[in-house]
Amino acid sequence: MGGLTSVLAPIAFVNETALRLGRAVGIVAIALMVIAILIQVFFRYVLGNALPWPDEAARFCMLWMTGLMAPTAFRRGGFVAIDMVPLMLPRILGQVLTLFLLFVSLAVLLVAVNIGWAEVTGFGGKFATAALYIPTSLGFDEWYRIPRSWMMASLLVGVFLLILVNIELILRSVITLLGGGDLLPEIADAPVGAE
């Protein structure tokens, strides 16, 4: 039991640290997404002249926000789940079912890594976005068109973080199944906006 908890401790620390940073970046992404959408609404409906970049900027921010915040929701049990069956079963059988489902999730996530990698490095990742540019000089006279692969990297990063969380949850489930659930530290469930 001590061996499993000693393996779990660094994984839980890495997850907590990475997810805290991901939540902070995700909050910034939400704010930028809202600003981009408000700019687009103003220019489109008030001035009657839609800009080309806000829609793509909002999509970019939304994808990164999702990739960085979904692992936190998974770790805290925030995904939609039907937990009626494991709760109806005897405790041990319910824990075995939960462990089995975590392994199924891990298999799906490992397949998703290939999909994410293909999106970043494949044919679609070689193109640039239509309207997103970043300045490459302090005088704002040179601009670089953002590659689509930067946007799709959110999928790969999100899946990688989900795999780390899934491994932690599998270890927690095994420890609980072996009777060491009382040795596990609580997963912090900070209120929204309180970091």
N, C-alpha and C. Protein backbone atom coordinates (compact mmCIF):
# COMPACT_ATOMS: atom_id res chain seq x y z
N MET A 1 0.83 -1.20 0.00
CA MET A 1 0.00 0.00 0.00
C MET A 1 0.87 1.26 0.00
N GLY A 2 1.93 1.23 0.83
CA GLY A 2 2.82 2.38 0.90
C GLY A 2 3.50 2.67 -0.43
N GLY A 3 3.80 1.59 -1.18
CA GLY A 3 4.42 1.77 -2.49
C GLY A 3 3.51 2.50 -3.46
N LEU A 4 2.24 2.13 -3.44
CA LEU A 4 1.28 2.79 -4.34
C LEU A 4 1.07 4.25 -3.95
N THR A 5 0.98 4.53 -2.66
CA THR A 5 0.79 5.92 -2.24
C THR A 5 2.03 6.76 -2.53
N SER A 6 3.21 6.14 -2.48
CA SER A 6 4.42 6.90 -2.81
C SER A 6 4.53 7.15 -4.32
N VAL A 7 3.94 6.28 -5.12
CA VAL A 7 3.87 6.51 -6.57
C VAL A 7 2.82 7.57 -6.87
N LEU A 8 1.72 7.54 -6.12
CA LEU A 8 0.63 8.49 -6.34
C LEU A 8 1.01 9.92 -5.99
N ALA A 9 1.78 10.10 -4.93
CA ALA A 9 2.07 11.45 -4.42
C ALA A 9 2.70 12.37 -5.47
N PRO A 10 3.77 11.96 -6.19
CA PRO A 10 4.32 12.88 -7.18
C PRO A 10 3.38 13.12 -8.36
N ILE A 11 2.62 12.10 -8.75
CA ILE A 11 1.67 12.27 -9.86
C ILE A 11 0.59 13.27 -9.45
N ALA A 12 0.09 13.15 -8.22
CA ALA A 12 -0.92 14.08 -7.74
C ALA A 12 -0.36 15.49 -7.66
N PHE A 13 0.90 15.63 -7.23
CA PHE A 13 1.53 16.95 -7.17
C PHE A 13 1.67 17.57 -8.55
N VAL A 14 2.15 16.78 -9.51
CA VAL A 14 2.31 17.27 -10.89
C VAL A 14 0.94 17.68 -11.45
N ASN A 15 -0.07 16.83 -11.23
CA ASN A 15 -1.41 17.15 -11.72
C ASN A 15 -1.93 18.44 -11.09
N GLU A 16 -1.82 18.56 -9.79
CA GLU A 16 -2.34 19.75 -9.11
C GLU A 16 -1.64 21.01 -9.62
N THR A 17 -0.33 20.94 -9.78
CA THR A 17 0.43 22.10 -10.25
C THR A 17 0.09 22.44 -11.70
N ALA A 18 0.11 21.43 -12.57
CA ALA A 18 -0.18 21.66 -13.99
C ALA A 18 -1.61 22.14 -14.19
N LEU A 19 -2.54 21.56 -13.45
CA LEU A 19 -3.94 21.95 -13.61
C LEU A 19 -4.21 23.33 -13.05
N ARG A 20 -3.50 23.73 -12.00
CA ARG A 20 -3.65 25.09 -11.47
C ARG A 20 -3.20 26.10 -12.53
N LEU A 21 -2.06 25.82 -13.18
CA LEU A 21 -1.58 26.69 -14.25
C LEU A 21 -2.57 26.66 -15.42
N GLY A 22 -3.07 25.47 -15.75
CA GLY A 22 -4.04 25.35 -16.84
C GLY A 22 -5.31 26.13 -16.58
N ARG A 23 -5.78 26.11 -15.33
CA ARG A 23 -6.98 26.89 -14.98
C ARG A 23 -6.72 28.38 -15.12
N ALA A 24 -5.54 28.83 -14.72
CA ALA A 24 -5.21 30.26 -14.84
C ALA A 24 -5.18 30.69 -16.31
N VAL A 25 -4.51 29.89 -17.14
CA VAL A 25 -4.46 30.20 -18.58
C VAL A 25 -5.85 30.08 -19.19
N GLY A 26 -6.62 29.10 -18.74
CA GLY A 26 -7.99 28.93 -19.23
C GLY A 26 -8.87 30.12 -18.91
N ILE A 27 -8.71 30.69 -17.72
CA ILE A 27 -9.48 31.88 -17.34
C ILE A 27 -9.12 33.06 -18.24
N VAL A 28 -7.83 33.21 -18.53
CA VAL A 28 -7.39 34.27 -19.45
C VAL A 28 -7.98 34.02 -20.84
N ALA A 29 -7.99 32.75 -21.27
CA ALA A 29 -8.55 32.41 -22.58
C ALA A 29 -10.04 32.74 -22.65
N ILE A 30 -10.77 32.48 -21.57
CA ILE A 30 -12.20 32.83 -21.55
C ILE A 30 -12.38 34.33 -21.67
N ALA A 31 -11.58 35.07 -20.92
CA ALA A 31 -11.68 36.54 -20.97
C ALA A 31 -11.37 37.06 -22.37
N LEU A 32 -10.31 36.56 -22.99
CA LEU A 32 -9.97 36.99 -24.35
C LEU A 32 -11.04 36.58 -25.36
N MET A 33 -11.63 35.41 -25.15
CA MET A 33 -12.69 34.95 -26.04
C MET A 33 -13.90 35.90 -25.96
N VAL A 34 -14.27 36.26 -24.75
CA VAL A 34 -15.41 37.17 -24.57
C VAL A 34 -15.11 38.53 -25.19
N ILE A 35 -13.90 39.03 -24.99
CA ILE A 35 -13.52 40.32 -25.57
C ILE A 35 -13.58 40.26 -27.09
N ALA A 36 -13.05 39.18 -27.68
CA ALA A 36 -13.08 39.04 -29.14
C ALA A 36 -14.51 39.00 -29.67
N ILE A 37 -15.38 38.28 -28.97
CA ILE A 37 -16.78 38.19 -29.41
C ILE A 37 -17.48 39.55 -29.28
N LEU A 38 -17.22 40.26 -28.20
CA LEU A 38 -17.83 41.59 -28.02
C LEU A 38 -17.34 42.57 -29.08
N ILE A 39 -16.06 42.50 -29.43
CA ILE A 39 -15.53 43.35 -30.50
C ILE A 39 -16.25 43.03 -31.81
N GLN A 40 -16.41 41.74 -32.10
CA GLN A 40 -17.07 41.34 -33.34
C GLN A 40 -18.53 41.81 -33.37
N VAL A 41 -19.23 41.65 -32.24
CA VAL A 41 -20.63 42.10 -32.19
C VAL A 41 -20.71 43.60 -32.43
N PHE A 42 -19.83 44.37 -31.80
CA PHE A 42 -19.84 45.83 -31.97
C PHE A 42 -19.58 46.21 -33.42
N PHE A 43 -18.53 45.64 -34.01
CA PHE A 43 -18.20 46.02 -35.38
C PHE A 43 -19.25 45.52 -36.37
N ARG A 44 -19.80 44.34 -36.15
CA ARG A 44 -20.75 43.79 -37.10
C ARG A 44 -22.11 44.47 -37.02
N TYR A 45 -22.64 44.67 -35.79
CA TYR A 45 -24.02 45.15 -35.66
C TYR A 45 -24.14 46.64 -35.38
N VAL A 46 -23.11 47.26 -34.82
CA VAL A 46 -23.18 48.70 -34.57
C VAL A 46 -22.59 49.47 -35.74
N LEU A 47 -21.39 49.05 -36.17
CA LEU A 47 -20.73 49.76 -37.27
C LEU A 47 -21.05 49.17 -38.64
N GLY A 48 -21.62 47.96 -38.66
CA GLY A 48 -21.99 47.34 -39.94
C GLY A 48 -20.79 46.90 -40.77
N ASN A 49 -19.66 46.63 -40.12
CA ASN A 49 -18.46 46.25 -40.83
C ASN A 49 -17.73 45.18 -40.02
N ALA A 50 -18.01 43.91 -40.31
CA ALA A 50 -17.45 42.80 -39.53
C ALA A 50 -15.95 42.68 -39.78
N LEU A 51 -15.22 42.40 -38.70
CA LEU A 51 -13.79 42.16 -38.79
C LEU A 51 -13.52 40.69 -39.12
N PRO A 52 -12.40 40.39 -39.77
CA PRO A 52 -12.15 38.99 -40.14
C PRO A 52 -11.57 38.13 -39.02
N TRP A 53 -10.97 38.72 -38.00
CA TRP A 53 -10.21 37.92 -37.03
C TRP A 53 -10.93 37.53 -35.74
N PRO A 54 -11.96 38.24 -35.24
CA PRO A 54 -12.49 37.87 -33.92
C PRO A 54 -13.09 36.47 -33.83
N ASP A 55 -13.76 36.01 -34.87
CA ASP A 55 -14.34 34.66 -34.82
C ASP A 55 -13.25 33.61 -34.65
N GLU A 56 -12.18 33.76 -35.41
CA GLU A 56 -11.09 32.79 -35.33
C GLU A 56 -10.34 32.91 -34.01
N ALA A 57 -10.18 34.12 -33.51
CA ALA A 57 -9.52 34.32 -32.21
C ALA A 57 -10.35 33.70 -31.09
N ALA A 58 -11.68 33.87 -31.15
CA ALA A 58 -12.55 33.28 -30.13
C ALA A 58 -12.49 31.76 -30.18
N ARG A 59 -12.46 31.18 -31.38
CA ARG A 59 -12.35 29.73 -31.53
C ARG A 59 -11.02 29.23 -30.97
N PHE A 60 -9.94 29.96 -31.25
CA PHE A 60 -8.61 29.61 -30.75
C PHE A 60 -8.63 29.58 -29.21
N CYS A 61 -9.19 30.63 -28.61
CA CYS A 61 -9.26 30.71 -27.14
C CYS A 61 -10.16 29.62 -26.56
N MET A 62 -11.28 29.34 -27.23
CA MET A 62 -12.20 28.33 -26.73
C MET A 62 -11.55 26.94 -26.73
N LEU A 63 -10.82 26.61 -27.79
CA LEU A 63 -10.16 25.31 -27.85
C LEU A 63 -9.11 25.18 -26.75
N TRP A 64 -8.32 26.21 -26.53
CA TRP A 64 -7.30 26.14 -25.48
C TRP A 64 -7.93 26.12 -24.10
N MET A 65 -8.99 26.88 -23.90
CA MET A 65 -9.69 26.86 -22.61
C MET A 65 -10.20 25.46 -22.32
N THR A 66 -10.79 24.82 -23.32
CA THR A 66 -11.31 23.46 -23.14
C THR A 66 -10.19 22.47 -22.85
N GLY A 67 -9.13 22.54 -23.63
CA GLY A 67 -8.01 21.62 -23.43
C GLY A 67 -7.34 21.76 -22.08
N LEU A 68 -7.35 22.96 -21.53
CA LEU A 68 -6.68 23.20 -20.25
C LEU A 68 -7.58 23.02 -19.04
N MET A 69 -8.90 23.14 -19.22
CA MET A 69 -9.80 23.05 -18.07
C MET A 69 -10.52 21.70 -17.96
N ALA A 70 -10.63 20.97 -19.05
CA ALA A 70 -11.29 19.66 -18.99
C ALA A 70 -10.59 18.69 -18.04
N PRO A 71 -9.26 18.67 -17.98
CA PRO A 71 -8.62 17.76 -17.01
C PRO A 71 -8.99 18.07 -15.55
N THR A 72 -9.16 19.34 -15.22
CA THR A 72 -9.58 19.70 -13.86
C THR A 72 -10.96 19.15 -13.58
N ALA A 73 -11.86 19.29 -14.54
CA ALA A 73 -13.22 18.77 -14.36
C ALA A 73 -13.19 17.25 -14.20
N PHE A 74 -12.37 16.58 -14.98
CA PHE A 74 -12.25 15.12 -14.89
C PHE A 74 -11.71 14.70 -13.52
N ARG A 75 -10.69 15.40 -13.06
CA ARG A 75 -10.07 15.05 -11.77
C ARG A 75 -11.02 15.27 -10.61
N ARG A 76 -11.85 16.29 -10.69
CA ARG A 76 -12.77 16.62 -9.60
C ARG A 76 -14.12 15.92 -9.73
N GLY A 77 -14.27 15.10 -10.76
CA GLY A 77 -15.54 14.40 -10.95
C GLY A 77 -16.61 15.29 -11.55
N GLY A 78 -16.21 16.29 -12.29
CA GLY A 78 -17.15 17.26 -12.84
C GLY A 78 -17.75 16.88 -14.18
N PHE A 79 -17.33 15.78 -14.78
CA PHE A 79 -17.92 15.35 -16.04
C PHE A 79 -19.28 14.72 -15.77
N VAL A 80 -20.13 14.80 -16.75
CA VAL A 80 -21.44 14.16 -16.62
C VAL A 80 -21.21 12.65 -16.55
N ALA A 81 -21.80 12.01 -15.55
CA ALA A 81 -21.61 10.57 -15.37
C ALA A 81 -22.88 9.94 -14.82
N ILE A 82 -23.09 8.72 -15.19
CA ILE A 82 -24.18 7.95 -14.62
C ILE A 82 -23.54 7.03 -13.58
N ASP A 83 -23.60 7.46 -12.33
CA ASP A 83 -22.94 6.70 -11.27
C ASP A 83 -23.94 5.88 -10.46
N MET A 84 -25.13 5.73 -10.98
CA MET A 84 -26.17 4.98 -10.29
C MET A 84 -25.80 3.50 -10.16
N VAL A 85 -25.22 2.92 -11.22
CA VAL A 85 -24.91 1.48 -11.19
C VAL A 85 -23.83 1.17 -10.16
N PRO A 86 -22.67 1.87 -10.18
CA PRO A 86 -21.67 1.53 -9.16
C PRO A 86 -22.17 1.76 -7.74
N LEU A 87 -23.06 2.72 -7.54
CA LEU A 87 -23.58 2.97 -6.20
C LEU A 87 -24.58 1.89 -5.76
N MET A 88 -25.26 1.27 -6.73
CA MET A 88 -26.22 0.22 -6.40
C MET A 88 -25.53 -1.11 -6.10
N LEU A 89 -24.35 -1.31 -6.66
CA LEU A 89 -23.62 -2.56 -6.47
C LEU A 89 -22.97 -2.60 -5.09
N PRO A 90 -22.60 -3.79 -4.63
CA PRO A 90 -21.80 -3.87 -3.41
C PRO A 90 -20.51 -3.05 -3.58
N ARG A 91 -19.98 -2.55 -2.48
CA ARG A 91 -18.85 -1.61 -2.51
C ARG A 91 -17.69 -2.12 -3.36
N ILE A 92 -17.24 -3.33 -3.15
CA ILE A 92 -16.09 -3.88 -3.88
C ILE A 92 -16.40 -3.99 -5.37
N LEU A 93 -17.56 -4.49 -5.69
CA LEU A 93 -17.95 -4.64 -7.10
C LEU A 93 -18.07 -3.27 -7.78
N GLY A 94 -18.61 -2.30 -7.07
CA GLY A 94 -18.72 -0.94 -7.61
C GLY A 94 -17.34 -0.33 -7.87
N GLN A 95 -16.39 -0.58 -6.97
CA GLN A 95 -15.03 -0.07 -7.16
C GLN A 95 -14.33 -0.77 -8.32
N VAL A 96 -14.58 -2.06 -8.48
CA VAL A 96 -14.00 -2.80 -9.62
C VAL A 96 -14.57 -2.25 -10.93
N LEU A 97 -15.86 -1.99 -10.96
CA LEU A 97 -16.48 -1.41 -12.16
C LEU A 97 -15.90 -0.03 -12.46
N THR A 98 -15.72 0.79 -11.44
CA THR A 98 -15.13 2.12 -11.63
C THR A 98 -13.71 1.99 -12.17
N LEU A 99 -12.94 1.07 -11.64
CA LEU A 99 -11.58 0.85 -12.12
C LEU A 99 -11.58 0.39 -13.57
N PHE A 100 -12.48 -0.52 -13.91
CA PHE A 100 -12.60 -0.97 -15.30
C PHE A 100 -12.92 0.19 -16.23
N LEU A 101 -13.85 1.04 -15.83
CA LEU A 101 -14.23 2.20 -16.66
C LEU A 101 -13.07 3.19 -16.80
N LEU A 102 -12.25 3.33 -15.77
CA LEU A 102 -11.08 4.20 -15.88
C LEU A 102 -10.07 3.63 -16.88
N PHE A 103 -9.93 2.31 -16.91
CA PHE A 103 -9.04 1.69 -17.90
C PHE A 103 -9.60 1.85 -19.31
N VAL A 104 -10.91 1.76 -19.47
CA VAL A 104 -11.52 2.01 -20.78
C VAL A 104 -11.26 3.45 -21.21
N SER A 105 -11.42 4.38 -20.26
CA SER A 105 -11.14 5.80 -20.55
C SER A 105 -9.69 6.00 -20.97
N LEU A 106 -8.78 5.31 -20.28
CA LEU A 106 -7.36 5.42 -20.63
C LEU A 106 -7.11 4.92 -22.05
N ALA A 107 -7.75 3.82 -22.43
CA ALA A 107 -7.59 3.30 -23.79
C ALA A 107 -8.09 4.31 -24.83
N VAL A 108 -9.22 4.92 -24.55
CA VAL A 108 -9.77 5.92 -25.47
C VAL A 108 -8.83 7.12 -25.57
N LEU A 109 -8.30 7.55 -24.43
CA LEU A 109 -7.38 8.70 -24.42
C LEU A 109 -6.08 8.39 -25.17
N LEU A 110 -5.60 7.16 -25.07
CA LEU A 110 -4.39 6.80 -25.81
C LEU A 110 -4.63 6.83 -27.32
N VAL A 111 -5.81 6.46 -27.74
CA VAL A 111 -6.17 6.58 -29.16
C VAL A 111 -6.26 8.07 -29.54
N ALA A 112 -6.79 8.87 -28.64
CA ALA A 112 -6.94 10.31 -28.89
C ALA A 112 -5.58 11.00 -29.04
N VAL A 113 -4.54 10.47 -28.40
CA VAL A 113 -3.20 11.05 -28.57
C VAL A 113 -2.79 10.97 -30.04
N ASN A 114 -3.05 9.84 -30.67
CA ASN A 114 -2.72 9.70 -32.10
C ASN A 114 -3.51 10.68 -32.95
N ILE A 115 -4.76 10.86 -32.61
CA ILE A 115 -5.60 11.81 -33.36
C ILE A 115 -5.07 13.23 -33.17
N GLY A 116 -4.75 13.60 -31.93
CA GLY A 116 -4.22 14.93 -31.66
C GLY A 116 -2.90 15.17 -32.36
N TRP A 117 -2.03 14.16 -32.33
CA TRP A 117 -0.73 14.30 -33.00
C TRP A 117 -0.92 14.46 -34.51
N ALA A 118 -1.87 13.71 -35.07
CA ALA A 118 -2.14 13.82 -36.51
C ALA A 118 -2.69 15.21 -36.86
N GLU A 119 -3.48 15.78 -35.98
CA GLU A 119 -4.02 17.12 -36.23
C GLU A 119 -2.92 18.17 -36.21
N VAL A 120 -1.96 18.00 -35.32
CA VAL A 120 -0.89 18.98 -35.18
C VAL A 120 0.14 18.84 -36.30
N THR A 121 0.52 17.61 -36.61
CA THR A 121 1.62 17.39 -37.56
C THR A 121 1.15 16.97 -38.95
N GLY A 122 -0.13 16.66 -39.09
CA GLY A 122 -0.62 16.14 -40.36
C GLY A 122 -0.87 17.23 -41.39
N PHE A 123 -1.61 16.87 -42.40
CA PHE A 123 -1.89 17.76 -43.53
C PHE A 123 -2.55 19.06 -43.08
N GLY A 124 -3.58 18.96 -42.24
CA GLY A 124 -4.29 20.16 -41.80
C GLY A 124 -3.43 21.09 -40.96
N GLY A 125 -2.46 20.53 -40.22
CA GLY A 125 -1.60 21.35 -39.39
C GLY A 125 -0.57 22.16 -40.15
N LYS A 126 -0.42 21.86 -41.43
CA LYS A 126 0.56 22.59 -42.25
C LYS A 126 0.04 23.93 -42.75
N PHE A 127 -1.27 24.15 -42.61
CA PHE A 127 -1.85 25.40 -43.07
C PHE A 127 -1.81 26.45 -41.98
N ALA A 128 -1.97 27.69 -42.37
CA ALA A 128 -2.04 28.79 -41.41
C ALA A 128 -3.50 29.19 -41.25
N THR A 129 -3.78 29.85 -40.15
CA THR A 129 -5.14 30.35 -39.93
C THR A 129 -5.44 31.44 -40.95
N ALA A 130 -6.71 31.68 -41.16
CA ALA A 130 -7.10 32.64 -42.20
C ALA A 130 -6.84 34.08 -41.81
N ALA A 131 -7.03 34.41 -40.53
CA ALA A 131 -7.00 35.82 -40.16
C ALA A 131 -6.24 36.13 -38.87
N LEU A 132 -5.55 35.16 -38.29
CA LEU A 132 -4.83 35.42 -37.04
C LEU A 132 -3.35 35.65 -37.33
N TYR A 133 -2.86 36.78 -36.87
CA TYR A 133 -1.46 37.14 -37.05
C TYR A 133 -0.90 37.61 -35.71
N ILE A 134 0.41 37.44 -35.52
CA ILE A 134 1.07 38.02 -34.36
C ILE A 134 2.24 38.86 -34.88
N PRO A 135 2.52 39.97 -34.19
CA PRO A 135 3.64 40.80 -34.65
C PRO A 135 4.97 40.12 -34.36
N THR A 136 5.92 40.28 -35.27
CA THR A 136 7.25 39.71 -35.07
C THR A 136 8.30 40.80 -34.89
N SER A 137 7.87 42.05 -34.86
CA SER A 137 8.81 43.15 -34.61
C SER A 137 8.15 44.14 -33.66
N LEU A 138 8.97 44.88 -32.94
CA LEU A 138 8.45 45.87 -32.00
C LEU A 138 7.77 47.04 -32.71
N GLY A 139 8.11 47.26 -33.97
CA GLY A 139 7.49 48.34 -34.73
C GLY A 139 6.17 47.95 -35.37
N PHE A 140 5.74 46.72 -35.15
CA PHE A 140 4.50 46.18 -35.73
C PHE A 140 4.48 46.29 -37.26
N ASP A 141 5.66 46.23 -37.88
CA ASP A 141 5.70 46.30 -39.34
C ASP A 141 5.89 44.93 -39.98
N GLU A 142 6.16 43.90 -39.15
CA GLU A 142 6.27 42.53 -39.65
C GLU A 142 5.32 41.65 -38.84
N TRP A 143 4.58 40.80 -39.54
CA TRP A 143 3.57 39.95 -38.89
C TRP A 143 3.75 38.52 -39.33
N TYR A 144 3.40 37.60 -38.43
CA TYR A 144 3.50 36.16 -38.70
C TYR A 144 2.11 35.57 -38.61
N ARG A 145 1.72 34.84 -39.63
CA ARG A 145 0.41 34.20 -39.64
C ARG A 145 0.46 32.95 -38.76
N ILE A 146 -0.45 32.86 -37.81
CA ILE A 146 -0.46 31.76 -36.84
C ILE A 146 -0.82 30.46 -37.54
N PRO A 147 0.01 29.43 -37.37
CA PRO A 147 -0.30 28.13 -37.98
C PRO A 147 -1.52 27.48 -37.31
N ARG A 148 -2.26 26.74 -38.10
CA ARG A 148 -3.42 26.01 -37.57
C ARG A 148 -2.98 24.99 -36.52
N SER A 149 -1.75 24.50 -36.64
CA SER A 149 -1.25 23.50 -35.69
C SER A 149 -1.20 24.06 -34.27
N TRP A 150 -1.01 25.37 -34.10
CA TRP A 150 -1.02 25.96 -32.77
C TRP A 150 -2.40 25.83 -32.13
N MET A 151 -3.42 25.98 -32.96
CA MET A 151 -4.78 25.85 -32.46
C MET A 151 -5.08 24.39 -32.11
N MET A 152 -4.68 23.48 -32.96
CA MET A 152 -4.99 22.06 -32.75
C MET A 152 -4.11 21.43 -31.68
N ALA A 153 -3.03 22.09 -31.30
CA ALA A 153 -2.20 21.58 -30.21
C ALA A 153 -2.98 21.55 -28.90
N SER A 154 -4.05 22.34 -28.82
CA SER A 154 -4.89 22.32 -27.61
C SER A 154 -5.47 20.93 -27.38
N LEU A 155 -5.83 20.23 -28.46
CA LEU A 155 -6.35 18.86 -28.34
C LEU A 155 -5.28 17.94 -27.77
N LEU A 156 -4.08 18.02 -28.31
CA LEU A 156 -3.00 17.16 -27.86
C LEU A 156 -2.63 17.44 -26.39
N VAL A 157 -2.52 18.69 -26.02
CA VAL A 157 -2.19 19.05 -24.64
C VAL A 157 -3.31 18.60 -23.70
N GLY A 158 -4.55 18.85 -24.09
CA GLY A 158 -5.68 18.45 -23.26
C GLY A 158 -5.74 16.95 -23.04
N VAL A 159 -5.51 16.18 -24.09
CA VAL A 159 -5.55 14.71 -23.97
C VAL A 159 -4.39 14.23 -23.10
N PHE A 160 -3.22 14.82 -23.26
CA PHE A 160 -2.07 14.44 -22.44
C PHE A 160 -2.37 14.71 -20.96
N LEU A 161 -2.94 15.86 -20.64
CA LEU A 161 -3.30 16.17 -19.25
C LEU A 161 -4.39 15.23 -18.74
N LEU A 162 -5.34 14.89 -19.60
CA LEU A 162 -6.38 13.93 -19.20
C LEU A 162 -5.79 12.55 -18.90
N ILE A 163 -4.76 12.15 -19.65
CA ILE A 163 -4.10 10.87 -19.38
C ILE A 163 -3.42 10.90 -18.01
N LEU A 164 -2.74 12.01 -17.71
CA LEU A 164 -2.10 12.12 -16.39
C LEU A 164 -3.13 12.03 -15.27
N VAL A 165 -4.25 12.71 -15.45
CA VAL A 165 -5.32 12.67 -14.44
C VAL A 165 -5.89 11.26 -14.36
N ASN A 166 -6.08 10.61 -15.49
CA ASN A 166 -6.63 9.26 -15.51
C ASN A 166 -5.72 8.29 -14.76
N ILE A 167 -4.42 8.42 -14.95
CA ILE A 167 -3.47 7.55 -14.24
C ILE A 167 -3.59 7.79 -12.73
N GLU A 168 -3.69 9.04 -12.34
CA GLU A 168 -3.87 9.34 -10.91
C GLU A 168 -5.16 8.72 -10.38
N LEU A 169 -6.25 8.84 -11.14
CA LEU A 169 -7.52 8.28 -10.69
C LEU A 169 -7.48 6.75 -10.63
N ILE A 170 -6.76 6.13 -11.55
CA ILE A 170 -6.60 4.67 -11.51
C ILE A 170 -5.86 4.26 -10.24
N LEU A 171 -4.76 4.96 -9.94
CA LEU A 171 -4.01 4.66 -8.72
C LEU A 171 -4.86 4.87 -7.48
N ARG A 172 -5.63 5.94 -7.45
CA ARG A 172 -6.52 6.20 -6.31
C ARG A 172 -7.56 5.08 -6.18
N SER A 173 -8.07 4.64 -7.32
CA SER A 173 -9.08 3.58 -7.31
C SER A 173 -8.48 2.26 -6.81
N VAL A 174 -7.27 1.95 -7.25
CA VAL A 174 -6.62 0.70 -6.79
C VAL A 174 -6.36 0.78 -5.29
N ILE A 175 -5.86 1.91 -4.82
CA ILE A 175 -5.59 2.06 -3.39
C ILE A 175 -6.88 1.93 -2.59
N THR A 176 -7.95 2.54 -3.07
CA THR A 176 -9.25 2.43 -2.39
C THR A 176 -9.74 0.99 -2.40
N LEU A 177 -9.57 0.31 -3.51
CA LEU A 177 -9.99 -1.09 -3.63
C LEU A 177 -9.23 -1.99 -2.65
N LEU A 178 -7.98 -1.65 -2.41
CA LEU A 178 -7.15 -2.44 -1.49
C LEU A 178 -7.36 -2.03 -0.02
N GLY A 179 -8.27 -1.10 0.20
CA GLY A 179 -8.60 -0.71 1.57
C GLY A 179 -7.82 0.47 2.11
N GLY A 180 -7.12 1.19 1.26
CA GLY A 180 -6.34 2.33 1.72
C GLY A 180 -6.94 3.67 1.37
N GLY A 181 -8.24 3.71 1.16
CA GLY A 181 -8.90 4.95 0.78
C GLY A 181 -8.72 6.06 1.80
N ASP A 182 -8.57 5.69 3.09
CA ASP A 182 -8.40 6.69 4.12
C ASP A 182 -7.00 7.31 4.10
N LEU A 183 -6.05 6.71 3.38
CA LEU A 183 -4.70 7.25 3.26
C LEU A 183 -4.59 8.31 2.16
N LEU A 184 -5.62 8.38 1.32
CA LEU A 184 -5.56 9.29 0.17
C LEU A 184 -5.87 10.73 0.58
N PRO A 185 -5.05 11.67 0.10
CA PRO A 185 -5.40 13.07 0.35
C PRO A 185 -6.61 13.46 -0.49
N GLU A 186 -7.37 14.39 0.01
CA GLU A 186 -8.56 14.88 -0.69
C GLU A 186 -8.14 15.65 -1.94
N ILE A 187 -8.87 15.49 -3.01
CA ILE A 187 -8.64 16.30 -4.20
C ILE A 187 -9.33 17.63 -3.94
N ALA A 188 -8.54 18.71 -4.00
CA ALA A 188 -9.07 20.04 -3.69
C ALA A 188 -10.14 20.41 -4.69
N ASP A 189 -11.22 20.97 -4.20
CA ASP A 189 -12.33 21.41 -5.03
C ASP A 189 -12.56 22.89 -4.76
N ALA A 190 -11.65 23.71 -5.32
CA ALA A 190 -11.71 25.14 -5.08
C ALA A 190 -12.96 25.72 -5.71
N PRO A 191 -13.58 26.70 -5.05
CA PRO A 191 -14.71 27.38 -5.67
C PRO A 191 -14.28 28.08 -6.96
N VAL A 192 -15.23 28.29 -7.84
CA VAL A 192 -14.94 28.92 -9.13
C VAL A 192 -14.31 30.29 -8.90
N GLY A 193 -13.19 30.53 -9.57
CA GLY A 193 -12.52 31.81 -9.48
C GLY A 193 -11.60 31.95 -8.28
N ALA A 194 -11.60 31.01 -7.38
CA ALA A 194 -10.73 31.09 -6.19
C ALA A 194 -9.55 30.16 -6.39
N GLU A 195 -8.40 30.70 -6.64
CA GLU A 195 -7.20 29.88 -6.84
C GLU A 195 -6.19 30.19 -5.80
